[in-house]
Amino acid sequence: MSGPEQPPPPRRERATALRYDPEAGGAPRVVATGAGEVARRIVELAREAGVPVREEPALAEALARLELDTDIPPELYAAVAEVLVWAFGLENGRFAPERSAP
């Protein structure tokens, strides 16, 4: 006999910040990452600075495994490129922020 089903544990909020300079070339770099209160602060600072914020939990989790100040690996290029296209589109008024973090 099994007991009542347990709800899944709450998902821990995570945020990762990238820096990308198309003029310099190269891959985007991880410049900040954190969970919980640190994640909330990363998002808060990004918004204060006018940086687009997009909620992509699986991508944030994958990026959080990287060392700070390292280029993203080739296996994440496509996912990060999608986010960069979205962010550059916001800056140019082409996209609505429908996937922004709350």
N, C-alpha and C. Protein backbone atom coordinates (compact mmCIF):
# COMPACT_ATOMS: atom_id res chain seq x y z
N MET A 1 0.84 -1.17 0.00
CA MET A 1 0.00 0.00 0.00
C MET A 1 0.89 1.24 0.00
N SER A 2 0.61 2.13 -0.89
CA SER A 2 1.42 3.34 -0.97
C SER A 2 0.65 4.50 -0.35
N GLY A 3 1.41 5.47 0.15
CA GLY A 3 0.81 6.63 0.79
C GLY A 3 0.34 7.63 -0.26
N PRO A 4 -0.18 8.74 0.20
CA PRO A 4 -0.63 9.77 -0.75
C PRO A 4 0.54 10.29 -1.56
N GLU A 5 0.24 10.65 -2.79
CA GLU A 5 1.29 11.20 -3.65
C GLU A 5 1.78 12.51 -3.08
N GLN A 6 3.08 12.65 -3.08
CA GLN A 6 3.69 13.88 -2.61
C GLN A 6 3.84 14.85 -3.78
N PRO A 7 3.53 16.12 -3.56
CA PRO A 7 3.73 17.07 -4.65
C PRO A 7 5.22 17.22 -4.92
N PRO A 8 5.57 17.57 -6.14
CA PRO A 8 7.00 17.76 -6.44
C PRO A 8 7.53 18.93 -5.62
N PRO A 9 8.82 18.89 -5.30
CA PRO A 9 9.38 20.01 -4.54
C PRO A 9 9.30 21.28 -5.37
N PRO A 10 9.17 22.43 -4.73
CA PRO A 10 9.10 23.68 -5.49
C PRO A 10 10.38 23.86 -6.30
N ARG A 11 10.21 24.34 -7.52
CA ARG A 11 11.36 24.58 -8.37
C ARG A 11 12.10 25.80 -7.86
N ARG A 12 13.38 25.68 -7.74
CA ARG A 12 14.20 26.77 -7.24
C ARG A 12 14.40 27.80 -8.34
N GLU A 13 14.14 29.04 -8.03
CA GLU A 13 14.33 30.11 -8.99
C GLU A 13 15.81 30.25 -9.30
N ARG A 14 16.14 30.37 -10.58
CA ARG A 14 17.53 30.49 -11.01
C ARG A 14 17.61 31.55 -12.09
N ALA A 15 18.72 32.29 -12.10
CA ALA A 15 18.95 33.30 -13.14
C ALA A 15 20.41 33.25 -13.56
N THR A 16 20.62 33.49 -14.83
CA THR A 16 21.97 33.57 -15.37
C THR A 16 22.02 34.77 -16.31
N ALA A 17 23.05 35.57 -16.19
CA ALA A 17 23.22 36.74 -17.04
C ALA A 17 24.35 36.48 -18.02
N LEU A 18 24.10 36.89 -19.26
CA LEU A 18 25.10 36.74 -20.31
C LEU A 18 25.52 38.12 -20.81
N ARG A 19 26.73 38.19 -21.31
CA ARG A 19 27.20 39.39 -21.99
C ARG A 19 27.59 38.97 -23.40
N TYR A 20 27.12 39.75 -24.36
CA TYR A 20 27.47 39.46 -25.75
C TYR A 20 27.74 40.77 -26.45
N ASP A 21 28.89 40.84 -27.09
CA ASP A 21 29.28 42.02 -27.85
C ASP A 21 29.46 41.60 -29.30
N PRO A 22 28.45 41.85 -30.13
CA PRO A 22 28.56 41.43 -31.53
C PRO A 22 29.73 42.08 -32.27
N GLU A 23 30.14 43.27 -31.82
CA GLU A 23 31.28 43.95 -32.44
C GLU A 23 32.59 43.20 -32.18
N ALA A 24 32.72 42.62 -30.99
CA ALA A 24 33.95 41.94 -30.61
C ALA A 24 34.02 40.53 -31.17
N GLY A 25 32.87 39.98 -31.54
CA GLY A 25 32.86 38.60 -32.01
C GLY A 25 32.98 37.63 -30.84
N GLY A 26 33.04 36.38 -31.15
CA GLY A 26 33.12 35.37 -30.10
C GLY A 26 31.75 35.02 -29.56
N ALA A 27 31.75 34.11 -28.63
CA ALA A 27 30.50 33.61 -28.05
C ALA A 27 30.09 34.48 -26.86
N PRO A 28 28.80 34.45 -26.53
CA PRO A 28 28.36 35.12 -25.30
C PRO A 28 29.06 34.50 -24.09
N ARG A 29 29.20 35.28 -23.03
CA ARG A 29 29.88 34.83 -21.81
C ARG A 29 28.94 34.91 -20.63
N VAL A 30 29.09 33.97 -19.71
CA VAL A 30 28.33 33.97 -18.46
C VAL A 30 28.98 35.00 -17.53
N VAL A 31 28.20 36.00 -17.11
CA VAL A 31 28.76 37.04 -16.24
C VAL A 31 28.16 37.04 -14.84
N ALA A 32 27.05 36.34 -14.64
CA ALA A 32 26.45 36.21 -13.31
C ALA A 32 25.51 35.02 -13.32
N THR A 33 25.42 34.34 -12.20
CA THR A 33 24.48 33.24 -12.07
C THR A 33 24.18 33.03 -10.59
N GLY A 34 22.98 32.58 -10.31
CA GLY A 34 22.63 32.35 -8.93
C GLY A 34 21.24 31.77 -8.80
N ALA A 35 20.89 31.36 -7.59
CA ALA A 35 19.59 30.78 -7.30
C ALA A 35 18.97 31.53 -6.12
N GLY A 36 17.66 31.40 -6.00
CA GLY A 36 16.96 32.00 -4.88
C GLY A 36 17.08 33.51 -4.86
N GLU A 37 17.50 34.06 -3.73
CA GLU A 37 17.60 35.51 -3.57
C GLU A 37 18.63 36.11 -4.53
N VAL A 38 19.71 35.39 -4.80
CA VAL A 38 20.71 35.89 -5.76
C VAL A 38 20.09 36.00 -7.15
N ALA A 39 19.30 35.01 -7.54
CA ALA A 39 18.62 35.04 -8.84
C ALA A 39 17.68 36.24 -8.92
N ARG A 40 16.92 36.46 -7.86
CA ARG A 40 16.00 37.60 -7.86
C ARG A 40 16.76 38.92 -7.98
N ARG A 41 17.91 39.01 -7.36
CA ARG A 41 18.72 40.23 -7.44
C ARG A 41 19.31 40.42 -8.84
N ILE A 42 19.74 39.34 -9.48
CA ILE A 42 20.24 39.42 -10.86
C ILE A 42 19.16 39.99 -11.76
N VAL A 43 17.94 39.47 -11.64
CA VAL A 43 16.82 39.94 -12.46
C VAL A 43 16.51 41.40 -12.16
N GLU A 44 16.50 41.75 -10.89
CA GLU A 44 16.21 43.13 -10.48
C GLU A 44 17.24 44.11 -11.06
N LEU A 45 18.51 43.76 -10.96
CA LEU A 45 19.56 44.63 -11.49
C LEU A 45 19.49 44.74 -13.01
N ALA A 46 19.17 43.64 -13.66
CA ALA A 46 19.03 43.67 -15.12
C ALA A 46 17.91 44.62 -15.53
N ARG A 47 16.78 44.50 -14.86
CA ARG A 47 15.65 45.38 -15.19
C ARG A 47 16.00 46.84 -14.94
N GLU A 48 16.67 47.11 -13.82
CA GLU A 48 17.06 48.49 -13.51
C GLU A 48 17.98 49.05 -14.58
N ALA A 49 18.79 48.19 -15.18
CA ALA A 49 19.74 48.61 -16.21
C ALA A 49 19.12 48.60 -17.61
N GLY A 50 17.85 48.21 -17.71
CA GLY A 50 17.20 48.18 -19.01
C GLY A 50 17.56 46.97 -19.85
N VAL A 51 18.09 45.93 -19.22
CA VAL A 51 18.46 44.71 -19.94
C VAL A 51 17.23 43.82 -20.07
N PRO A 52 16.93 43.32 -21.26
CA PRO A 52 15.78 42.42 -21.41
C PRO A 52 15.97 41.16 -20.56
N VAL A 53 14.88 40.72 -19.94
CA VAL A 53 14.89 39.53 -19.08
C VAL A 53 13.89 38.54 -19.65
N ARG A 54 14.35 37.34 -19.91
CA ARG A 54 13.49 36.30 -20.48
C ARG A 54 13.53 35.07 -19.58
N GLU A 55 12.38 34.48 -19.35
CA GLU A 55 12.28 33.30 -18.50
C GLU A 55 12.45 32.04 -19.36
N GLU A 56 13.55 31.35 -19.14
CA GLU A 56 13.87 30.09 -19.83
C GLU A 56 14.51 29.18 -18.80
N PRO A 57 13.71 28.53 -17.93
CA PRO A 57 14.27 27.75 -16.82
C PRO A 57 15.30 26.69 -17.22
N ALA A 58 15.04 25.94 -18.28
CA ALA A 58 15.98 24.89 -18.68
C ALA A 58 17.30 25.49 -19.14
N LEU A 59 17.24 26.57 -19.88
CA LEU A 59 18.47 27.22 -20.35
C LEU A 59 19.22 27.84 -19.17
N ALA A 60 18.51 28.48 -18.26
CA ALA A 60 19.17 29.06 -17.08
C ALA A 60 19.88 27.98 -16.28
N GLU A 61 19.24 26.82 -16.16
CA GLU A 61 19.85 25.70 -15.42
C GLU A 61 21.13 25.23 -16.12
N ALA A 62 21.08 25.09 -17.44
CA ALA A 62 22.26 24.65 -18.19
C ALA A 62 23.39 25.67 -18.09
N LEU A 63 23.04 26.96 -18.21
CA LEU A 63 24.07 28.00 -18.14
C LEU A 63 24.66 28.12 -16.74
N ALA A 64 23.86 27.82 -15.73
CA ALA A 64 24.33 27.93 -14.34
C ALA A 64 25.44 26.93 -14.04
N ARG A 65 25.55 25.88 -14.82
CA ARG A 65 26.60 24.88 -14.60
C ARG A 65 27.96 25.35 -15.10
N LEU A 66 27.98 26.45 -15.84
CA LEU A 66 29.23 26.96 -16.41
C LEU A 66 29.95 27.85 -15.41
N GLU A 67 31.25 27.91 -15.56
CA GLU A 67 32.06 28.81 -14.74
C GLU A 67 31.78 30.25 -15.17
N LEU A 68 31.87 31.16 -14.21
CA LEU A 68 31.71 32.58 -14.54
C LEU A 68 32.81 33.02 -15.50
N ASP A 69 32.46 33.96 -16.36
CA ASP A 69 33.37 34.56 -17.33
C ASP A 69 33.91 33.55 -18.34
N THR A 70 33.09 32.55 -18.68
CA THR A 70 33.47 31.61 -19.73
C THR A 70 32.49 31.73 -20.88
N ASP A 71 32.99 31.44 -22.08
CA ASP A 71 32.12 31.42 -23.25
C ASP A 71 31.12 30.28 -23.11
N ILE A 72 29.92 30.50 -23.66
CA ILE A 72 28.97 29.39 -23.67
C ILE A 72 29.48 28.32 -24.62
N PRO A 73 29.21 27.05 -24.34
CA PRO A 73 29.69 25.97 -25.20
C PRO A 73 28.84 25.86 -26.47
N PRO A 74 29.41 25.29 -27.53
CA PRO A 74 28.70 25.17 -28.80
C PRO A 74 27.33 24.50 -28.69
N GLU A 75 27.17 23.55 -27.77
CA GLU A 75 25.88 22.86 -27.67
C GLU A 75 24.76 23.77 -27.17
N LEU A 76 25.10 24.94 -26.65
CA LEU A 76 24.07 25.90 -26.21
C LEU A 76 23.89 27.07 -27.18
N TYR A 77 24.66 27.10 -28.26
CA TYR A 77 24.60 28.22 -29.21
C TYR A 77 23.18 28.45 -29.72
N ALA A 78 22.49 27.41 -30.16
CA ALA A 78 21.16 27.59 -30.76
C ALA A 78 20.18 28.18 -29.75
N ALA A 79 20.17 27.66 -28.53
CA ALA A 79 19.23 28.16 -27.52
C ALA A 79 19.55 29.60 -27.16
N VAL A 80 20.82 29.92 -26.99
CA VAL A 80 21.22 31.28 -26.63
C VAL A 80 20.96 32.22 -27.82
N ALA A 81 21.20 31.77 -29.03
CA ALA A 81 20.95 32.60 -30.21
C ALA A 81 19.47 32.98 -30.29
N GLU A 82 18.58 32.06 -29.95
CA GLU A 82 17.15 32.35 -29.96
C GLU A 82 16.82 33.48 -28.97
N VAL A 83 17.42 33.43 -27.80
CA VAL A 83 17.20 34.46 -26.79
C VAL A 83 17.79 35.80 -27.25
N LEU A 84 18.97 35.76 -27.87
CA LEU A 84 19.58 37.00 -28.34
C LEU A 84 18.76 37.64 -29.46
N VAL A 85 18.22 36.83 -30.36
CA VAL A 85 17.36 37.37 -31.42
C VAL A 85 16.15 38.05 -30.79
N TRP A 86 15.57 37.40 -29.77
CA TRP A 86 14.43 37.98 -29.07
C TRP A 86 14.82 39.30 -28.41
N ALA A 87 15.96 39.33 -27.71
CA ALA A 87 16.38 40.54 -27.01
C ALA A 87 16.69 41.68 -27.97
N PHE A 88 17.38 41.39 -29.07
CA PHE A 88 17.68 42.42 -30.05
C PHE A 88 16.40 42.90 -30.72
N GLY A 89 15.44 41.99 -30.91
CA GLY A 89 14.14 42.37 -31.47
C GLY A 89 13.39 43.31 -30.54
N LEU A 90 13.47 43.08 -29.24
CA LEU A 90 12.83 43.99 -28.27
C LEU A 90 13.43 45.38 -28.38
N GLU A 91 14.76 45.42 -28.45
CA GLU A 91 15.44 46.72 -28.52
C GLU A 91 15.04 47.49 -29.78
N ASN A 92 14.74 46.76 -30.85
CA ASN A 92 14.38 47.39 -32.11
C ASN A 92 12.87 47.50 -32.31
N GLY A 93 12.09 47.15 -31.28
CA GLY A 93 10.64 47.27 -31.35
C GLY A 93 9.94 46.25 -32.21
N ARG A 94 10.60 45.14 -32.52
CA ARG A 94 9.98 44.15 -33.40
C ARG A 94 9.23 43.07 -32.66
N PHE A 95 9.53 42.83 -31.40
CA PHE A 95 8.90 41.76 -30.65
C PHE A 95 8.28 42.30 -29.37
N ALA A 96 7.24 41.61 -28.91
CA ALA A 96 6.64 41.93 -27.62
C ALA A 96 7.34 41.09 -26.56
N PRO A 97 7.43 41.57 -25.34
CA PRO A 97 8.13 40.82 -24.27
C PRO A 97 7.28 39.71 -23.66
N GLU A 98 6.65 38.85 -24.48
CA GLU A 98 5.73 37.83 -23.98
C GLU A 98 6.38 36.79 -23.12
N ARG A 99 7.66 36.57 -23.20
CA ARG A 99 8.30 35.55 -22.39
C ARG A 99 9.22 36.15 -21.33
N SER A 100 8.95 37.37 -20.97
CA SER A 100 9.75 38.01 -19.92
C SER A 100 9.49 37.35 -18.58
N ALA A 101 10.46 37.43 -17.73
CA ALA A 101 10.29 36.92 -16.37
C ALA A 101 9.33 37.83 -15.63
N PRO A 102 8.54 37.29 -14.71
CA PRO A 102 7.57 38.11 -13.97
C PRO A 102 8.25 39.13 -13.08
